[in-house]
Amino acid sequence: MSYFEERFQQIYEKFLFSLKIYSYDSSRREACYQDCLGEMDSLFLRHDTHDLFAKKLLDCKNAFQRKVKKAYLGI
C-alpha cells in the first residue's frame, strides 16, 4: 500500500507545483486539476478488484483527491 500512497503523494505534489506556476491562468489550472484527478483514477483502475486491498486503495485515492480539491479551491 505504501507504493500507492507514495504515488498519490507524488501526483499531489506535482499538482501543487503546477498551481504555483500557473497561478495567473485559470484555464491551465483547471487542466492541471483534471489531469491530476485522471492520473489518480487511472492508478486506481489498474488495480480495481473487489477485496480489502481495493477498499484501502479507494480510500487512499479519495483522501488524496479531497486534498487536491482543497488545494485547487484554495481552502
N, C-alpha and C. Protein backbone atom coordinates (compact mmCIF):
# COMPACT_ATOMS: atom_id res chain seq x y z
N MET A 1 0.82 -1.19 0.00
CA MET A 1 0.00 0.00 0.00
C MET A 1 0.87 1.26 0.00
N SER A 2 2.04 1.19 0.60
CA SER A 2 2.88 2.38 0.68
C SER A 2 3.29 2.87 -0.71
N TYR A 3 3.43 1.95 -1.68
CA TYR A 3 3.76 2.36 -3.05
C TYR A 3 2.68 3.29 -3.58
N PHE A 4 1.42 2.92 -3.38
CA PHE A 4 0.32 3.73 -3.90
C PHE A 4 0.20 5.05 -3.17
N GLU A 5 0.40 5.02 -1.86
CA GLU A 5 0.38 6.28 -1.11
C GLU A 5 1.48 7.21 -1.60
N GLU A 6 2.65 6.66 -1.86
CA GLU A 6 3.75 7.47 -2.38
C GLU A 6 3.42 8.03 -3.75
N ARG A 7 2.83 7.21 -4.61
CA ARG A 7 2.46 7.69 -5.96
C ARG A 7 1.40 8.79 -5.87
N PHE A 8 0.38 8.59 -5.03
CA PHE A 8 -0.64 9.63 -4.85
C PHE A 8 0.00 10.91 -4.32
N GLN A 9 0.94 10.78 -3.40
CA GLN A 9 1.63 11.96 -2.85
C GLN A 9 2.43 12.66 -3.94
N GLN A 10 3.11 11.90 -4.79
CA GLN A 10 3.87 12.49 -5.89
C GLN A 10 2.95 13.23 -6.85
N ILE A 11 1.83 12.63 -7.17
CA ILE A 11 0.87 13.28 -8.07
C ILE A 11 0.37 14.58 -7.44
N TYR A 12 0.07 14.51 -6.15
CA TYR A 12 -0.41 15.68 -5.41
C TYR A 12 0.64 16.80 -5.41
N GLU A 13 1.88 16.45 -5.13
CA GLU A 13 2.95 17.45 -5.10
C GLU A 13 3.18 18.06 -6.48
N LYS A 14 3.09 17.25 -7.51
CA LYS A 14 3.21 17.77 -8.87
C LYS A 14 2.09 18.76 -9.16
N PHE A 15 0.89 18.46 -8.67
CA PHE A 15 -0.24 19.35 -8.85
C PHE A 15 -0.02 20.67 -8.11
N LEU A 16 0.45 20.61 -6.87
CA LEU A 16 0.72 21.83 -6.12
C LEU A 16 1.74 22.70 -6.83
N PHE A 17 2.76 22.08 -7.40
CA PHE A 17 3.76 22.82 -8.15
C PHE A 17 3.12 23.51 -9.36
N SER A 18 2.24 22.79 -10.05
CA SER A 18 1.55 23.36 -11.21
C SER A 18 0.68 24.54 -10.81
N LEU A 19 0.04 24.46 -9.65
CA LEU A 19 -0.78 25.58 -9.18
C LEU A 19 0.07 26.83 -8.98
N LYS A 20 1.27 26.65 -8.46
CA LYS A 20 2.16 27.80 -8.25
C LYS A 20 2.62 28.39 -9.57
N ILE A 21 2.95 27.53 -10.51
CA ILE A 21 3.45 28.01 -11.80
C ILE A 21 2.35 28.74 -12.57
N TYR A 22 1.15 28.19 -12.57
CA TYR A 22 0.06 28.74 -13.37
C TYR A 22 -0.95 29.49 -12.52
N SER A 23 -0.50 30.19 -11.50
CA SER A 23 -1.42 30.90 -10.61
C SER A 23 -2.22 31.98 -11.33
N TYR A 24 -1.72 32.47 -12.43
CA TYR A 24 -2.37 33.53 -13.19
C TYR A 24 -3.32 33.02 -14.27
N ASP A 25 -3.28 31.74 -14.59
CA ASP A 25 -4.02 31.18 -15.73
C ASP A 25 -5.04 30.15 -15.25
N SER A 26 -6.29 30.57 -15.11
CA SER A 26 -7.32 29.69 -14.55
C SER A 26 -7.62 28.49 -15.45
N SER A 27 -7.55 28.66 -16.76
CA SER A 27 -7.84 27.53 -17.64
C SER A 27 -6.73 26.47 -17.54
N ARG A 28 -5.51 26.91 -17.37
CA ARG A 28 -4.39 25.97 -17.22
C ARG A 28 -4.48 25.26 -15.86
N ARG A 29 -4.90 25.99 -14.84
CA ARG A 29 -5.08 25.39 -13.51
C ARG A 29 -6.16 24.32 -13.56
N GLU A 30 -7.24 24.61 -14.27
CA GLU A 30 -8.33 23.63 -14.41
C GLU A 30 -7.83 22.38 -15.13
N ALA A 31 -7.05 22.57 -16.18
CA ALA A 31 -6.50 21.43 -16.92
C ALA A 31 -5.58 20.59 -16.02
N CYS A 32 -4.76 21.24 -15.22
CA CYS A 32 -3.88 20.51 -14.29
C CYS A 32 -4.70 19.76 -13.25
N TYR A 33 -5.76 20.37 -12.78
CA TYR A 33 -6.65 19.74 -11.80
C TYR A 33 -7.27 18.47 -12.39
N GLN A 34 -7.80 18.58 -13.60
CA GLN A 34 -8.42 17.43 -14.26
C GLN A 34 -7.39 16.33 -14.54
N ASP A 35 -6.20 16.73 -14.97
CA ASP A 35 -5.13 15.75 -15.22
C ASP A 35 -4.76 15.01 -13.95
N CYS A 36 -4.67 15.73 -12.86
CA CYS A 36 -4.31 15.13 -11.58
C CYS A 36 -5.35 14.10 -11.15
N LEU A 37 -6.63 14.48 -11.22
CA LEU A 37 -7.69 13.54 -10.86
C LEU A 37 -7.69 12.33 -11.78
N GLY A 38 -7.47 12.55 -13.06
CA GLY A 38 -7.43 11.45 -14.01
C GLY A 38 -6.27 10.50 -13.75
N GLU A 39 -5.13 11.07 -13.39
CA GLU A 39 -3.96 10.24 -13.09
C GLU A 39 -4.22 9.37 -11.86
N MET A 40 -4.87 9.95 -10.85
CA MET A 40 -5.20 9.17 -9.65
C MET A 40 -6.22 8.08 -9.97
N ASP A 41 -7.21 8.42 -10.78
CA ASP A 41 -8.22 7.42 -11.15
C ASP A 41 -7.59 6.27 -11.94
N SER A 42 -6.70 6.59 -12.87
CA SER A 42 -6.10 5.53 -13.68
C SER A 42 -5.22 4.62 -12.84
N LEU A 43 -4.54 5.19 -11.86
CA LEU A 43 -3.73 4.37 -10.95
C LEU A 43 -4.62 3.40 -10.18
N PHE A 44 -5.78 3.89 -9.74
CA PHE A 44 -6.71 3.03 -9.01
C PHE A 44 -7.33 1.98 -9.93
N LEU A 45 -7.74 2.37 -11.12
CA LEU A 45 -8.45 1.46 -12.01
C LEU A 45 -7.59 0.30 -12.48
N ARG A 46 -6.28 0.50 -12.54
CA ARG A 46 -5.39 -0.59 -12.92
C ARG A 46 -5.39 -1.71 -11.89
N HIS A 47 -5.83 -1.41 -10.69
CA HIS A 47 -5.81 -2.40 -9.61
C HIS A 47 -7.19 -2.58 -9.01
N ASP A 48 -8.21 -2.38 -9.82
CA ASP A 48 -9.59 -2.43 -9.34
C ASP A 48 -10.07 -3.87 -9.21
N THR A 49 -9.99 -4.40 -8.02
CA THR A 49 -10.56 -5.69 -7.69
C THR A 49 -11.42 -5.51 -6.46
N HIS A 50 -12.26 -6.46 -6.18
CA HIS A 50 -13.18 -6.32 -5.06
C HIS A 50 -12.66 -7.10 -3.86
N ASP A 51 -11.71 -6.52 -3.19
CA ASP A 51 -11.18 -7.13 -1.98
C ASP A 51 -10.80 -6.03 -1.00
N LEU A 52 -10.26 -6.41 0.12
CA LEU A 52 -9.91 -5.44 1.16
C LEU A 52 -8.85 -4.46 0.68
N PHE A 53 -7.88 -4.94 -0.10
CA PHE A 53 -6.84 -4.06 -0.61
C PHE A 53 -7.45 -2.97 -1.49
N ALA A 54 -8.39 -3.35 -2.35
CA ALA A 54 -9.03 -2.37 -3.24
C ALA A 54 -9.78 -1.32 -2.42
N LYS A 55 -10.39 -1.73 -1.33
CA LYS A 55 -11.11 -0.78 -0.47
C LYS A 55 -10.13 0.22 0.14
N LYS A 56 -8.99 -0.28 0.62
CA LYS A 56 -7.98 0.62 1.19
C LYS A 56 -7.43 1.56 0.13
N LEU A 57 -7.22 1.02 -1.07
CA LEU A 57 -6.71 1.84 -2.17
C LEU A 57 -7.72 2.92 -2.55
N LEU A 58 -8.99 2.57 -2.60
CA LEU A 58 -10.04 3.54 -2.90
C LEU A 58 -10.08 4.63 -1.84
N ASP A 59 -9.99 4.25 -0.58
CA ASP A 59 -9.99 5.24 0.50
C ASP A 59 -8.80 6.18 0.38
N CYS A 60 -7.64 5.64 0.04
CA CYS A 60 -6.44 6.44 -0.13
C CYS A 60 -6.61 7.40 -1.31
N LYS A 61 -7.11 6.90 -2.41
CA LYS A 61 -7.33 7.74 -3.60
C LYS A 61 -8.29 8.87 -3.28
N ASN A 62 -9.38 8.55 -2.59
CA ASN A 62 -10.37 9.58 -2.25
C ASN A 62 -9.79 10.63 -1.31
N ALA A 63 -8.97 10.20 -0.37
CA ALA A 63 -8.34 11.16 0.55
C ALA A 63 -7.44 12.13 -0.21
N PHE A 64 -6.64 11.61 -1.13
CA PHE A 64 -5.76 12.49 -1.90
C PHE A 64 -6.55 13.36 -2.87
N GLN A 65 -7.64 12.85 -3.42
CA GLN A 65 -8.45 13.69 -4.31
C GLN A 65 -9.11 14.82 -3.54
N ARG A 66 -9.48 14.58 -2.28
CA ARG A 66 -10.01 15.66 -1.46
C ARG A 66 -8.94 16.72 -1.20
N LYS A 67 -7.70 16.28 -0.95
CA LYS A 67 -6.60 17.22 -0.76
C LYS A 67 -6.38 18.07 -2.01
N VAL A 68 -6.45 17.42 -3.17
CA VAL A 68 -6.28 18.13 -4.43
C VAL A 68 -7.38 19.16 -4.61
N LYS A 69 -8.61 18.77 -4.33
CA LYS A 69 -9.73 19.70 -4.49
C LYS A 69 -9.59 20.89 -3.55
N LYS A 70 -9.18 20.64 -2.31
CA LYS A 70 -8.99 21.74 -1.36
C LYS A 70 -7.89 22.68 -1.84
N ALA A 71 -6.81 22.12 -2.35
CA ALA A 71 -5.72 22.96 -2.87
C ALA A 71 -6.19 23.76 -4.07
N TYR A 72 -6.96 23.14 -4.93
CA TYR A 72 -7.46 23.81 -6.13
C TYR A 72 -8.39 24.96 -5.77
N LEU A 73 -9.24 24.73 -4.77
CA LEU A 73 -10.19 25.76 -4.36
C LEU A 73 -9.57 26.78 -3.41
N GLY A 74 -8.37 26.49 -2.94
CA GLY A 74 -7.70 27.42 -2.04
C GLY A 74 -8.20 27.35 -0.61
N ILE A 75 -8.69 26.20 -0.23
CA ILE A 75 -9.24 26.03 1.13
C ILE A 75 -8.14 25.60 2.07
